[in-house]
PDB file of N, CA and C in Angstrom:
ATOM      1  N   MET A   1     111.150  65.579  83.044  1.00  0.00           N
ATOM      2  CA  MET A   1     110.123  64.903  83.817  1.00  0.00           C
ATOM      3  C   MET A   1     109.374  63.926  82.927  1.00  0.00           C
ATOM      4  N   ASP A   2     109.028  62.802  83.530  1.00  0.00           N
ATOM      5  CA  ASP A   2     108.326  61.777  82.776  1.00  0.00           C
ATOM      6  C   ASP A   2     107.283  61.129  83.683  1.00  0.00           C
ATOM      7  N   ALA A   3     106.059  61.003  83.170  1.00  0.00           N
ATOM      8  CA  ALA A   3     105.009  60.346  83.943  1.00  0.00           C
ATOM      9  C   ALA A   3     103.929  59.834  83.000  1.00  0.00           C
ATOM     10  N   ALA A   4     103.282  58.741  83.414  1.00  0.00           N
ATOM     11  CA  ALA A   4     102.198  58.174  82.613  1.00  0.00           C
ATOM     12  C   ALA A   4     101.182  57.508  83.533  1.00  0.00           C
ATOM     13  N   TYR A   5      99.915  57.650  83.163  1.00  0.00           N
ATOM     14  CA  TYR A   5      98.844  56.903  83.811  1.00  0.00           C
ATOM     15  C   TYR A   5      98.753  55.558  83.111  1.00  0.00           C
ATOM     16  N   VAL A   6      98.660  54.500  83.901  1.00  0.00           N
ATOM     17  CA  VAL A   6      98.619  53.146  83.354  1.00  0.00           C
ATOM     18  C   VAL A   6      97.296  52.492  83.789  1.00  0.00           C
ATOM     19  N   PHE A   7      96.600  51.921  82.806  1.00  0.00           N
ATOM     20  CA  PHE A   7      95.311  51.278  83.047  1.00  0.00           C
ATOM     21  C   PHE A   7      95.298  49.892  82.421  1.00  0.00           C
ATOM     22  N   ARG A   8      94.519  49.016  83.007  1.00  0.00           N
ATOM     23  CA  ARG A   8      94.189  47.731  82.407  1.00  0.00           C
ATOM     24  C   ARG A   8      92.834  47.935  81.737  1.00  0.00           C
ATOM     25  N   VAL A   9      92.738  47.605  80.457  1.00  0.00           N
ATOM     26  CA  VAL A   9      91.516  47.829  79.694  1.00  0.00           C
ATOM     27  C   VAL A   9      91.063  46.509  79.084  1.00  0.00           C
ATOM     28  N   ALA A  10      89.782  46.227  79.234  1.00  0.00           N
ATOM     29  CA  ALA A  10      89.192  45.051  78.588  1.00  0.00           C
ATOM     30  C   ALA A  10      88.217  45.548  77.531  1.00  0.00           C
ATOM     31  N   PHE A  11      88.267  44.901  76.385  1.00  0.00           N
ATOM     32  CA  PHE A  11      87.333  45.278  75.328  1.00  0.00           C
ATOM     33  C   PHE A  11      86.778  44.033  74.673  1.00  0.00           C
ATOM     34  N   ARG A  12      85.605  44.199  74.089  1.00  0.00           N
ATOM     35  CA  ARG A  12      84.906  43.103  73.433  1.00  0.00           C
ATOM     36  C   ARG A  12      84.780  43.435  71.950  1.00  0.00           C
ATOM     37  N   ILE A  13      84.985  42.428  71.138  1.00  0.00           N
ATOM     38  CA  ILE A  13      84.863  42.583  69.686  1.00  0.00           C
ATOM     39  C   ILE A  13      83.643  41.794  69.222  1.00  0.00           C
ATOM     40  N   GLU A  14      82.811  42.440  68.431  1.00  0.00           N
ATOM     41  CA  GLU A  14      81.648  41.794  67.836  1.00  0.00           C
ATOM     42  C   GLU A  14      81.850  41.789  66.316  1.00  0.00           C
ATOM     43  N   PRO A  15      82.407  40.712  65.781  1.00  0.00           N
ATOM     44  CA  PRO A  15      82.669  40.683  64.343  1.00  0.00           C
ATOM     45  C   PRO A  15      81.382  40.610  63.519  1.00  0.00           C
ATOM     46  N   CYS A  16      81.484  41.052  62.278  1.00  0.00           N
ATOM     47  CA  CYS A  16      80.320  41.050  61.366  1.00  0.00           C
ATOM     48  C   CYS A  16      80.001  39.641  60.871  1.00  0.00           C
ATOM     49  N   ASP A  17      81.010  39.001  60.322  1.00  0.00           N
ATOM     50  CA  ASP A  17      80.775  37.765  59.574  1.00  0.00           C
ATOM     51  C   ASP A  17      81.666  36.628  60.035  1.00  0.00           C
ATOM     52  N   ALA A  18      81.945  36.592  61.328  1.00  0.00           N
ATOM     53  CA  ALA A  18      82.829  35.558  61.840  1.00  0.00           C
ATOM     54  C   ALA A  18      82.515  35.322  63.309  1.00  0.00           C
ATOM     55  N   ALA A  19      82.996  34.220  63.802  1.00  0.00           N
ATOM     56  CA  ALA A  19      82.898  33.939  65.230  1.00  0.00           C
ATOM     57  C   ALA A  19      84.307  33.973  65.794  1.00  0.00           C
ATOM     58  N   ILE A  20      84.469  34.582  66.949  1.00  0.00           N
ATOM     59  CA  ILE A  20      85.787  34.606  67.586  1.00  0.00           C
ATOM     60  C   ILE A  20      85.652  34.124  69.022  1.00  0.00           C
ATOM     61  N   ASP A  21      86.696  33.474  69.482  1.00  0.00           N
ATOM     62  CA  ASP A  21      86.723  32.984  70.845  1.00  0.00           C
ATOM     63  C   ASP A  21      88.146  33.084  71.352  1.00  0.00           C
ATOM     64  N   PRO A  22      88.447  33.913  72.286  1.00  0.00           N
ATOM     65  CA  PRO A  22      87.496  34.695  73.061  1.00  0.00           C
ATOM     66  C   PRO A  22      87.063  35.950  72.305  1.00  0.00           C
ATOM     67  N   ASP A  23      85.985  36.538  72.757  1.00  0.00           N
ATOM     68  CA  ASP A  23      85.526  37.793  72.162  1.00  0.00           C
ATOM     69  C   ASP A  23      85.882  38.981  73.052  1.00  0.00           C
ATOM     70  N   ARG A  24      86.561  38.691  74.154  1.00  0.00           N
ATOM     71  CA  ARG A  24      86.994  39.731  75.102  1.00  0.00           C
ATOM     72  C   ARG A  24      88.507  39.643  75.247  1.00  0.00           C
ATOM     73  N   PHE A  25      89.146  40.809  75.210  1.00  0.00           N
ATOM     74  CA  PHE A  25      90.597  40.889  75.288  1.00  0.00           C
ATOM     75  C   PHE A  25      90.987  41.935  76.324  1.00  0.00           C
ATOM     76  N   GLU A  26      92.130  41.756  76.929  1.00  0.00           N
ATOM     77  CA  GLU A  26      92.644  42.734  77.879  1.00  0.00           C
ATOM     78  C   GLU A  26      94.009  43.201  77.418  1.00  0.00           C
ATOM     79  N   THR A  27      94.281  44.461  77.704  1.00  0.00           N
ATOM     80  CA  THR A  27      95.565  45.040  77.360  1.00  0.00           C
ATOM     81  C   THR A  27      95.899  46.119  78.366  1.00  0.00           C
ATOM     82  N   THR A  28      97.110  46.606  78.310  1.00  0.00           N
ATOM     83  CA  THR A  28      97.538  47.720  79.143  1.00  0.00           C
ATOM     84  C   THR A  28      97.540  48.975  78.293  1.00  0.00           C
ATOM     85  N   MET A  29      96.937  50.023  78.820  1.00  0.00           N
ATOM     86  CA  MET A  29      96.917  51.308  78.131  1.00  0.00           C
ATOM     87  C   MET A  29      97.620  52.318  79.032  1.00  0.00           C
ATOM     88  N   GLU A  30      98.510  53.082  78.447  1.00  0.00           N
ATOM     89  CA  GLU A  30      99.113  54.166  79.219  1.00  0.00           C
ATOM     90  C   GLU A  30      99.103  55.425  78.379  1.00  0.00           C
ATOM     91  N   PHE A  31      98.959  56.535  79.062  1.00  0.00           N
ATOM     92  CA  PHE A  31      99.041  57.812  78.366  1.00  0.00           C
ATOM     93  C   PHE A  31      99.765  58.810  79.253  1.00  0.00           C
ATOM     94  N   PRO A  32     100.421  59.768  78.628  1.00  0.00           N
ATOM     95  CA  PRO A  32     101.250  60.716  79.381  1.00  0.00           C
ATOM     96  C   PRO A  32     100.429  61.531  80.377  1.00  0.00           C
ATOM     97  N   ALA A  33     101.025  61.771  81.533  1.00  0.00           N
ATOM     98  CA  ALA A  33     100.431  62.663  82.527  1.00  0.00           C
ATOM     99  C   ALA A  33     100.927  64.077  82.235  1.00  0.00           C
ATOM    100  N   HIS A  34     100.011  65.037  82.334  1.00  0.00           N
ATOM    101  CA  HIS A  34     100.404  66.430  82.131  1.00  0.00           C
ATOM    102  C   HIS A  34     101.349  66.864  83.247  1.00  0.00           C
ATOM    103  N   ALA A  35     102.239  67.771  82.927  1.00  0.00           N
ATOM    104  CA  ALA A  35     103.161  68.305  83.928  1.00  0.00           C
ATOM    105  C   ALA A  35     102.363  69.020  85.015  1.00  0.00           C
ATOM    106  N   PRO A  36     102.758  68.858  86.268  1.00  0.00           N
ATOM    107  CA  PRO A  36     102.059  69.539  87.359  1.00  0.00           C
ATOM    108  C   PRO A  36     101.966  71.044  87.103  1.00  0.00           C
ATOM    109  N   GLY A  37     100.741  71.558  87.254  1.00  0.00           N
ATOM    110  CA  GLY A  37     100.495  72.970  87.010  1.00  0.00           C
ATOM    111  C   GLY A  37      99.955  73.265  85.622  1.00  0.00           C
ATOM    112  N   ASP A  38     100.193  72.379  84.654  1.00  0.00           N
ATOM    113  CA  ASP A  38      99.678  72.566  83.293  1.00  0.00           C
ATOM    114  C   ASP A  38      98.205  72.163  83.230  1.00  0.00           C
ATOM    115  N   ASP A  39      97.521  72.640  82.192  1.00  0.00           N
ATOM    116  CA  ASP A  39      96.141  72.202  81.981  1.00  0.00           C
ATOM    117  C   ASP A  39      96.113  70.678  81.932  1.00  0.00           C
ATOM    118  N   GLY A  40      95.183  70.079  82.637  1.00  0.00           N
ATOM    119  CA  GLY A  40      95.042  68.628  82.625  1.00  0.00           C
ATOM    120  C   GLY A  40      95.802  67.913  83.719  1.00  0.00           C
ATOM    121  N   TRP A  41      96.604  68.632  84.498  1.00  0.00           N
ATOM    122  CA  TRP A  41      97.418  67.952  85.515  1.00  0.00           C
ATOM    123  C   TRP A  41      96.575  67.384  86.647  1.00  0.00           C
ATOM    124  N   LEU A  42      95.341  67.859  86.806  1.00  0.00           N
ATOM    125  CA  LEU A  42      94.488  67.386  87.885  1.00  0.00           C
ATOM    126  C   LEU A  42      93.670  66.146  87.503  1.00  0.00           C
ATOM    127  N   PHE A  43      94.086  65.485  86.459  1.00  0.00           N
ATOM    128  CA  PHE A  43      93.405  64.257  86.031  1.00  0.00           C
ATOM    129  C   PHE A  43      93.219  63.293  87.199  1.00  0.00           C
ATOM    130  N   PHE A  44      94.253  63.105  87.993  1.00  0.00           N
ATOM    131  CA  PHE A  44      94.163  62.166  89.117  1.00  0.00           C
ATOM    132  C   PHE A  44      93.072  62.587  90.093  1.00  0.00           C
ATOM    133  N   ARG A  45      92.922  63.884  90.334  1.00  0.00           N
ATOM    134  CA  ARG A  45      91.897  64.365  91.260  1.00  0.00           C
ATOM    135  C   ARG A  45      90.498  64.206  90.671  1.00  0.00           C
ATOM    136  N   ASP A  46      90.385  64.436  89.383  1.00  0.00           N
ATOM    137  CA  ASP A  46      89.080  64.429  88.735  1.00  0.00           C
ATOM    138  C   ASP A  46      88.583  63.036  88.362  1.00  0.00           C
ATOM    139  N   ARG A  47      89.489  62.072  88.235  1.00  0.00           N
ATOM    140  CA  ARG A  47      89.099  60.746  87.732  1.00  0.00           C
ATOM    141  C   ARG A  47      89.379  59.571  88.670  1.00  0.00           C
ATOM    142  N   LEU A  48      90.210  59.779  89.704  1.00  0.00           N
ATOM    143  CA  LEU A  48      90.613  58.652  90.551  1.00  0.00           C
ATOM    144  C   LEU A  48      90.200  58.890  91.997  1.00  0.00           C
ATOM    145  N   TRP A  49      89.997  57.798  92.710  1.00  0.00           N
ATOM    146  CA  TRP A  49      89.687  57.870  94.126  1.00  0.00           C
ATOM    147  C   TRP A  49      90.262  56.648  94.807  1.00  0.00           C
ATOM    148  N   ARG A  50      91.232  56.885  95.656  1.00  0.00           N
ATOM    149  CA  ARG A  50      91.929  55.825  96.396  1.00  0.00           C
ATOM    150  C   ARG A  50      92.493  54.750  95.469  1.00  0.00           C
ATOM    151  N   GLY A  51      92.994  55.192  94.335  1.00  0.00           N
ATOM    152  CA  GLY A  51      93.630  54.276  93.403  1.00  0.00           C
ATOM    153  C   GLY A  51      92.677  53.515  92.513  1.00  0.00           C
ATOM    154  N   GLU A  52      91.429  53.955  92.452  1.00  0.00           N
ATOM    155  CA  GLU A  52      90.424  53.324  91.594  1.00  0.00           C
ATOM    156  C   GLU A  52      89.834  54.380  90.666  1.00  0.00           C
ATOM    157  N   VAL A  53      89.349  53.955  89.511  1.00  0.00           N
ATOM    158  CA  VAL A  53      88.650  54.869  88.612  1.00  0.00           C
ATOM    159  C   VAL A  53      87.340  55.252  89.294  1.00  0.00           C
ATOM    160  N   GLY A  54      87.121  56.550  89.441  1.00  0.00           N
ATOM    161  CA  GLY A  54      85.958  57.038  90.178  1.00  0.00           C
ATOM    162  C   GLY A  54      84.623  56.745  89.517  1.00  0.00           C
ATOM    163  N   ASP A  55      84.531  56.868  88.220  1.00  0.00           N
ATOM    164  CA  ASP A  55      83.285  56.624  87.489  1.00  0.00           C
ATOM    165  C   ASP A  55      83.651  55.782  86.269  1.00  0.00           C
ATOM    166  N   GLU A  56      83.654  54.473  86.461  1.00  0.00           N
ATOM    167  CA  GLU A  56      84.150  53.591  85.405  1.00  0.00           C
ATOM    168  C   GLU A  56      83.348  53.699  84.115  1.00  0.00           C
ATOM    169  N   SER A  57      82.040  53.833  84.210  1.00  0.00           N
ATOM    170  CA  SER A  57      81.247  53.870  82.972  1.00  0.00           C
ATOM    171  C   SER A  57      81.632  55.063  82.098  1.00  0.00           C
ATOM    172  N   SER A  58      81.819  56.232  82.686  1.00  0.00           N
ATOM    173  CA  SER A  58      82.228  57.375  81.864  1.00  0.00           C
ATOM    174  C   SER A  58      83.683  57.245  81.436  1.00  0.00           C
ATOM    175  N   PHE A  59      84.507  56.609  82.271  1.00  0.00           N
ATOM    176  CA  PHE A  59      85.907  56.464  81.887  1.00  0.00           C
ATOM    177  C   PHE A  59      86.089  55.437  80.766  1.00  0.00           C
ATOM    178  N   ARG A  60      85.167  54.497  80.643  1.00  0.00           N
ATOM    179  CA  ARG A  60      85.246  53.580  79.502  1.00  0.00           C
ATOM    180  C   ARG A  60      85.163  54.365  78.197  1.00  0.00           C
ATOM    181  N   GLU A  61      84.375  55.442  78.180  1.00  0.00           N
ATOM    182  CA  GLU A  61      84.302  56.299  76.991  1.00  0.00           C
ATOM    183  C   GLU A  61      85.617  57.026  76.758  1.00  0.00           C
ATOM    184  N   VAL A  62      86.248  57.499  77.829  1.00  0.00           N
ATOM    185  CA  VAL A  62      87.558  58.144  77.719  1.00  0.00           C
ATOM    186  C   VAL A  62      88.572  57.158  77.146  1.00  0.00           C
ATOM    187  N   ALA A  63      88.556  55.933  77.668  1.00  0.00           N
ATOM    188  CA  ALA A  63      89.487  54.912  77.192  1.00  0.00           C
ATOM    189  C   ALA A  63      89.236  54.601  75.717  1.00  0.00           C
ATOM    190  N   ALA A  64      87.983  54.464  75.330  1.00  0.00           N
ATOM    191  CA  ALA A  64      87.657  54.181  73.927  1.00  0.00           C
ATOM    192  C   ALA A  64      88.155  55.305  73.029  1.00  0.00           C
ATOM    193  N   ASP A  65      88.008  56.533  73.482  1.00  0.00           N
ATOM    194  CA  ASP A  65      88.500  57.671  72.715  1.00  0.00           C
ATOM    195  C   ASP A  65      90.018  57.625  72.586  1.00  0.00           C
ATOM    196  N   ARG A  66      90.704  57.365  73.689  1.00  0.00           N
ATOM    197  CA  ARG A  66      92.171  57.287  73.665  1.00  0.00           C
ATOM    198  C   ARG A  66      92.664  56.148  72.777  1.00  0.00           C
ATOM    199  N   LEU A  67      91.894  55.072  72.708  1.00  0.00           N
ATOM    200  CA  LEU A  67      92.271  53.929  71.877  1.00  0.00           C
ATOM    201  C   LEU A  67      91.847  54.096  70.419  1.00  0.00           C
ATOM    202  N   GLY A  68      91.092  55.152  70.133  1.00  0.00           N
ATOM    203  CA  GLY A  68      90.652  55.404  68.765  1.00  0.00           C
ATOM    204  C   GLY A  68      89.497  54.522  68.328  1.00  0.00           C
ATOM    205  N   ILE A  69      88.728  54.014  69.285  1.00  0.00           N
ATOM    206  CA  ILE A  69      87.607  53.132  68.946  1.00  0.00           C
ATOM    207  C   ILE A  69      86.273  53.697  69.433  1.00  0.00           C
ATOM    208  N   ALA A  70      86.249  54.978  69.766  1.00  0.00           N
ATOM    209  CA  ALA A  70      85.051  55.583  70.349  1.00  0.00           C
ATOM    210  C   ALA A  70      83.829  55.467  69.442  1.00  0.00           C
ATOM    211  N   ASP A  71      84.030  55.516  68.129  1.00  0.00           N
ATOM    212  CA  ASP A  71      82.901  55.479  67.207  1.00  0.00           C
ATOM    213  C   ASP A  71      82.647  54.087  66.632  1.00  0.00           C
ATOM    214  N   SER A  72      83.346  53.102  67.149  1.00  0.00           N
ATOM    215  CA  SER A  72      83.194  51.748  66.622  1.00  0.00           C
ATOM    216  C   SER A  72      81.905  51.108  67.122  1.00  0.00           C
ATOM    217  N   GLU A  73      81.212  50.456  66.210  1.00  0.00           N
ATOM    218  CA  GLU A  73      80.020  49.703  66.606  1.00  0.00           C
ATOM    219  C   GLU A  73      80.371  48.252  66.912  1.00  0.00           C
ATOM    220  N   ARG A  74      81.591  47.851  66.620  1.00  0.00           N
ATOM    221  CA  ARG A  74      81.990  46.446  66.757  1.00  0.00           C
ATOM    222  C   ARG A  74      82.980  46.199  67.892  1.00  0.00           C
ATOM    223  N   ILE A  75      83.564  47.270  68.436  1.00  0.00           N
ATOM    224  CA  ILE A  75      84.523  47.126  69.535  1.00  0.00           C
ATOM    225  C   ILE A  75      84.039  47.994  70.682  1.00  0.00           C
ATOM    226  N   GLU A  76      83.927  47.387  71.863  1.00  0.00           N
ATOM    227  CA  GLU A  76      83.431  48.112  73.026  1.00  0.00           C
ATOM    228  C   GLU A  76      84.376  47.914  74.205  1.00  0.00           C
ATOM    229  N   VAL A  77      84.746  49.005  74.860  1.00  0.00           N
ATOM    230  CA  VAL A  77      85.504  48.907  76.103  1.00  0.00           C
ATOM    231  C   VAL A  77      84.513  48.488  77.179  1.00  0.00           C
ATOM    232  N   VAL A  78      84.793  47.364  77.833  1.00  0.00           N
ATOM    233  CA  VAL A  78      83.854  46.832  78.821  1.00  0.00           C
ATOM    234  C   VAL A  78      84.348  46.957  80.260  1.00  0.00           C
ATOM    235  N   ALA A  79      85.630  47.244  80.440  1.00  0.00           N
ATOM    236  CA  ALA A  79      86.162  47.409  81.799  1.00  0.00           C
ATOM    237  C   ALA A  79      87.463  48.204  81.753  1.00  0.00           C
ATOM    238  N   VAL A  80      87.649  49.014  82.785  1.00  0.00           N
ATOM    239  CA  VAL A  80      88.882  49.791  82.933  1.00  0.00           C
ATOM    240  C   VAL A  80      89.288  49.736  84.394  1.00  0.00           C
ATOM    241  N   GLU A  81      90.560  49.472  84.626  1.00  0.00           N
ATOM    242  CA  GLU A  81      91.083  49.421  85.988  1.00  0.00           C
ATOM    243  C   GLU A  81      92.370  50.233  86.043  1.00  0.00           C
ATOM    244  N   PHE A  82      92.427  51.186  86.963  1.00  0.00           N
ATOM    245  CA  PHE A  82      93.647  51.966  87.143  1.00  0.00           C
ATOM    246  C   PHE A  82      94.716  51.090  87.767  1.00  0.00           C
ATOM    247  N   ARG A  83      95.919  51.137  87.217  1.00  0.00           N
ATOM    248  CA  ARG A  83      97.035  50.354  87.747  1.00  0.00           C
ATOM    249  C   ARG A  83      98.015  51.210  88.525  1.00  0.00           C
ATOM    250  N   GLU A  84      98.458  52.327  87.884  1.00  0.00           N
ATOM    251  CA  GLU A  84      99.464  53.146  88.553  1.00  0.00           C
ATOM    252  C   GLU A  84      99.666  54.468  87.829  1.00  0.00           C
ATOM    253  N   LEU A  85     100.192  55.414  88.579  1.00  0.00           N
ATOM    254  CA  LEU A  85     100.776  56.606  87.991  1.00  0.00           C
ATOM    255  C   LEU A  85     102.265  56.359  88.052  1.00  0.00           C
ATOM    256  N   ARG A  86     102.860  56.119  86.904  1.00  0.00           N
ATOM    257  CA  ARG A  86     104.289  55.813  86.804  1.00  0.00           C
ATOM    258  C   ARG A  86     105.032  57.124  86.578  1.00  0.00           C
ATOM    259  N   VAL A  87     105.952  57.457  87.473  1.00  0.00           N
ATOM    260  CA  VAL A  87     106.642  58.742  87.422  1.00  0.00           C
ATOM    261  C   VAL A  87     108.142  58.563  87.613  1.00  0.00           C
ATOM    262  N   ASP A  88     108.885  59.589  87.185  1.00  0.00           N
ATOM    263  CA  ASP A  88     110.287  59.644  87.590  1.00  0.00           C
ATOM    264  C   ASP A  88     110.356  60.557  88.819  1.00  0.00           C
ATOM    265  N   GLU A  89     111.514  60.619  89.446  1.00  0.00           N
ATOM    266  CA  GLU A  89     111.660  61.387  90.681  1.00  0.00           C
ATOM    267  C   GLU A  89     111.360  62.871  90.471  1.00  0.00           C
ATOM    268  N   ALA A  90     111.769  63.435  89.343  1.00  0.00           N
ATOM    269  CA  ALA A  90     111.526  64.859  89.070  1.00  0.00           C
ATOM    270  C   ALA A  90     110.025  65.142  88.990  1.00  0.00           C
ATOM    271  N   TYR A  91     109.270  64.260  88.335  1.00  0.00           N
ATOM    272  CA  TYR A  91     107.826  64.453  88.247  1.00  0.00           C
ATOM    273  C   TYR A  91     107.200  64.346  89.623  1.00  0.00           C
ATOM    274  N   ARG A  92     107.604  63.358  90.394  1.00  0.00           N
ATOM    275  CA  ARG A  92     107.051  63.179  91.737  1.00  0.00           C
ATOM    276  C   ARG A  92     107.245  64.428  92.584  1.00  0.00           C
ATOM    277  N   GLU A  93     108.443  64.981  92.540  1.00  0.00           N
ATOM    278  CA  GLU A  93     108.720  66.184  93.323  1.00  0.00           C
ATOM    279  C   GLU A  93     107.915  67.378  92.819  1.00  0.00           C
ATOM    280  N   ALA A  94     107.782  67.512  91.505  1.00  0.00           N
ATOM    281  CA  ALA A  94     106.995  68.609  90.931  1.00  0.00           C
ATOM    282  C   ALA A  94     105.513  68.450  91.286  1.00  0.00           C
ATOM    283  N   LEU A  95     105.015  67.223  91.279  1.00  0.00           N
ATOM    284  CA  LEU A  95     103.630  66.957  91.647  1.00  0.00           C
ATOM    285  C   LEU A  95     103.384  67.335  93.101  1.00  0.00           C
ATOM    286  N   ARG A  96     104.260  66.907  93.978  1.00  0.00           N
ATOM    287  CA  ARG A  96     104.116  67.230  95.402  1.00  0.00           C
ATOM    288  C   ARG A  96     104.165  68.738  95.623  1.00  0.00           C
ATOM    289  N   ALA A  97     105.047  69.437  94.920  1.00  0.00           N
ATOM    290  CA  ALA A  97     105.151  70.891  95.068  1.00  0.00           C
ATOM    291  C   ALA A  97     103.883  71.587  94.565  1.00  0.00           C
ATOM    292  N   ALA A  98     103.330  71.117  93.449  1.00  0.00           N
ATOM    293  CA  ALA A  98     102.109  71.723  92.904  1.00  0.00           C
ATOM    294  C   ALA A  98     100.928  71.486  93.835  1.00  0.00           C
ATOM    295  N   ILE A  99     100.848  70.312  94.422  1.00  0.00           N
ATOM    296  CA  ILE A  99      99.784  70.025  95.386  1.00  0.00           C
ATOM    297  C   ILE A  99      99.934  70.932  96.605  1.00  0.00           C
ATOM    298  N   LEU A 100     101.136  71.025  97.134  1.00  0.00           N
ATOM    299  CA  LEU A 100     101.393  71.850  98.312  1.00  0.00           C
ATOM    300  C   LEU A 100     101.059  73.315  98.046  1.00  0.00           C
ATOM    301  N   ALA A 101     101.340  73.791  96.855  1.00  0.00           N
ATOM    302  CA  ALA A 101     101.091  75.189  96.509  1.00  0.00           C
ATOM    303  C   ALA A 101      99.603  75.529  96.508  1.00  0.00           C
ATOM    304  N   ASP A 102      98.751  74.534  96.392  1.00  0.00           N
ATOM    305  CA  ASP A 102      97.309  74.777  96.337  1.00  0.00           C
ATOM    306  C   ASP A 102      96.565  73.712  97.141  1.00  0.00           C
ATOM    307  N   LEU A 103      97.050  73.440  98.336  1.00  0.00           N
ATOM    308  CA  LEU A 103      96.535  72.355  99.165  1.00  0.00           C
ATOM    309  C   LEU A 103      95.038  72.491  99.465  1.00  0.00           C
ATOM    310  N   SER A 104      94.534  73.707  99.574  1.00  0.00           N
ATOM    311  CA  SER A 104      93.114  73.894  99.902  1.00  0.00           C
ATOM    312  C   SER A 104      92.193  73.329  98.817  1.00  0.00           C
ATOM    313  N   ARG A 105      92.697  73.230  97.590  1.00  0.00           N
ATOM    314  CA  ARG A 105      91.918  72.680  96.475  1.00  0.00           C
ATOM    315  C   ARG A 105      91.562  71.206  96.699  1.00  0.00           C
ATOM    316  N   PHE A 106      92.324  70.543  97.552  1.00  0.00           N
ATOM    317  CA  PHE A 106      92.182  69.095  97.729  1.00  0.00           C
ATOM    318  C   PHE A 106      91.474  68.704  99.021  1.00  0.00           C
ATOM    319  N   ASN A 107      91.116  69.683  99.865  1.00  0.00           N
ATOM    320  CA  ASN A 107      90.445  69.393 101.121  1.00  0.00           C
ATOM    321  C   ASN A 107      91.213  68.342 101.921  1.00  0.00           C
ATOM    322  N   ALA A 108      92.493  68.626 102.113  1.00  0.00           N
ATOM    323  CA  ALA A 108      93.361  67.696 102.830  1.00  0.00           C
ATOM    324  C   ALA A 108      94.340  68.485 103.702  1.00  0.00           C
ATOM    325  N   ALA A 109      94.884  67.812 104.712  1.00  0.00           N
ATOM    326  CA  ALA A 109      95.799  68.467 105.645  1.00  0.00           C
ATOM    327  C   ALA A 109      97.223  68.572 105.121  1.00  0.00           C
ATOM    328  N   ASP A 110      97.609  67.628 104.263  1.00  0.00           N
ATOM    329  CA  ASP A 110      98.979  67.657 103.745  1.00  0.00           C
ATOM    330  C   ASP A 110      99.067  66.905 102.416  1.00  0.00           C
ATOM    331  N   VAL A 111     100.232  66.981 101.801  1.00  0.00           N
ATOM    332  CA  VAL A 111     100.437  66.377 100.485  1.00  0.00           C
ATOM    333  C   VAL A 111     100.252  64.863 100.525  1.00  0.00           C
ATOM    334  N   ASP A 112     100.762  64.219 101.560  1.00  0.00           N
ATOM    335  CA  ASP A 112     100.627  62.765 101.653  1.00  0.00           C
ATOM    336  C   ASP A 112      99.157  62.334 101.685  1.00  0.00           C
ATOM    337  N   GLU A 113      98.332  63.106 102.374  1.00  0.00           N
ATOM    338  CA  GLU A 113      96.902  62.786 102.417  1.00  0.00           C
ATOM    339  C   GLU A 113      96.281  62.903 101.019  1.00  0.00           C
ATOM    340  N   VAL A 114      96.678  63.921 100.272  1.00  0.00           N
ATOM    341  CA  VAL A 114      96.169  64.094  98.907  1.00  0.00           C
ATOM    342  C   VAL A 114      96.568  62.906  98.042  1.00  0.00           C
ATOM    343  N   VAL A 115      97.836  62.554  98.076  1.00  0.00           N
ATOM    344  CA  VAL A 115      98.323  61.439  97.256  1.00  0.00           C
ATOM    345  C   VAL A 115      97.584  60.158  97.613  1.00  0.00           C
ATOM    346  N   HIS A 116      97.433  59.899  98.896  1.00  0.00           N
ATOM    347  CA  HIS A 116      96.734  58.675  99.308  1.00  0.00           C
ATOM    348  C   HIS A 116      95.248  58.727  98.940  1.00  0.00           C
ATOM    349  N   LYS A 117      94.632  59.894  99.119  1.00  0.00           N
ATOM    350  CA  LYS A 117      93.193  60.040  98.848  1.00  0.00           C
ATOM    351  C   LYS A 117      92.861  59.728  97.391  1.00  0.00           C
ATOM    352  N   TYR A 118      93.706  60.176  96.466  1.00  0.00           N
ATOM    353  CA  TYR A 118      93.382  60.009  95.050  1.00  0.00           C
ATOM    354  C   TYR A 118      94.115  58.846  94.387  1.00  0.00           C
ATOM    355  N   LEU A 119      95.333  58.593  94.783  1.00  0.00           N
ATOM    356  CA  LEU A 119      96.126  57.567  94.106  1.00  0.00           C
ATOM    357  C   LEU A 119      96.324  56.305  94.934  1.00  0.00           C
ATOM    358  N   GLY A 120      95.895  56.314  96.187  1.00  0.00           N
ATOM    359  CA  GLY A 120      96.129  55.158  97.034  1.00  0.00           C
ATOM    360  C   GLY A 120      97.617  54.891  97.126  1.00  0.00           C
ATOM    361  N   SER A 121      97.994  53.684  96.903  1.00  0.00           N
ATOM    362  CA  SER A 121      99.427  53.343  96.895  1.00  0.00           C
ATOM    363  C   SER A 121      99.903  53.085  95.471  1.00  0.00           C
ATOM    364  N   SER A 122      99.199  53.681  94.507  1.00  0.00           N
ATOM    365  CA  SER A 122      99.443  53.374  93.102  1.00  0.00           C
ATOM    366  C   SER A 122     100.312  54.390  92.371  1.00  0.00           C
ATOM    367  N   ILE A 123     101.181  55.076  93.088  1.00  0.00           N
ATOM    368  CA  ILE A 123     102.161  55.929  92.434  1.00  0.00           C
ATOM    369  C   ILE A 123     103.497  55.216  92.538  1.00  0.00           C
ATOM    370  N   HIS A 124     104.139  55.032  91.397  1.00  0.00           N
ATOM    371  CA  HIS A 124     105.391  54.285  91.365  1.00  0.00           C
ATOM    372  C   HIS A 124     106.474  55.105  90.712  1.00  0.00           C
ATOM    373  N   VAL A 125     107.550  55.305  91.464  1.00  0.00           N
ATOM    374  CA  VAL A 125     108.693  56.056  90.958  1.00  0.00           C
ATOM    375  C   VAL A 125     109.627  55.094  90.256  1.00  0.00           C
ATOM    376  N   ARG A 126     109.971  55.429  89.037  1.00  0.00           N
ATOM    377  CA  ARG A 126     110.888  54.602  88.244  1.00  0.00           C
ATOM    378  C   ARG A 126     112.172  55.359  88.033  1.00  0.00           C
ATOM    379  N   ASP A 127     113.267  54.672  88.144  1.00  0.00           N
ATOM    380  CA  ASP A 127     114.559  55.283  87.829  1.00  0.00           C
ATOM    381  C   ASP A 127     114.707  55.403  86.323  1.00  0.00           C
ATOM    382  N   PRO A 128     115.378  56.454  85.886  1.00  0.00           N
ATOM    383  CA  PRO A 128     115.556  56.622  84.423  1.00  0.00           C
ATOM    384  C   PRO A 128     116.392  55.530  83.798  1.00  0.00           C
TER     385      PRO A 128
END
């Protein structure tokens, strides 16, 4: 199984002794999604809503930590946008099964409602 959360991240650099233009840069950040049922697999439920980052200001801190710049005084994450949960077919099926096994946790009538509620249309199955 293979899956990753993909985000667009913008950050600003404040140099000490130089001027830069532009001072804002954008990049794509992706990190592995936990296997359904493992600790951390509910990231999508806890952080996303209809395919958007639920609390961008707190997630900017998460992104800075993942990028290794959390303690930097000169580099700041200024924007984060969720792009997709990129999965293979095995991960997608395992995710759907894990959701179905505990559907009451999501306050939804079925698996499709859960996927749409948290990921919108931002889950993309990739062939190996």
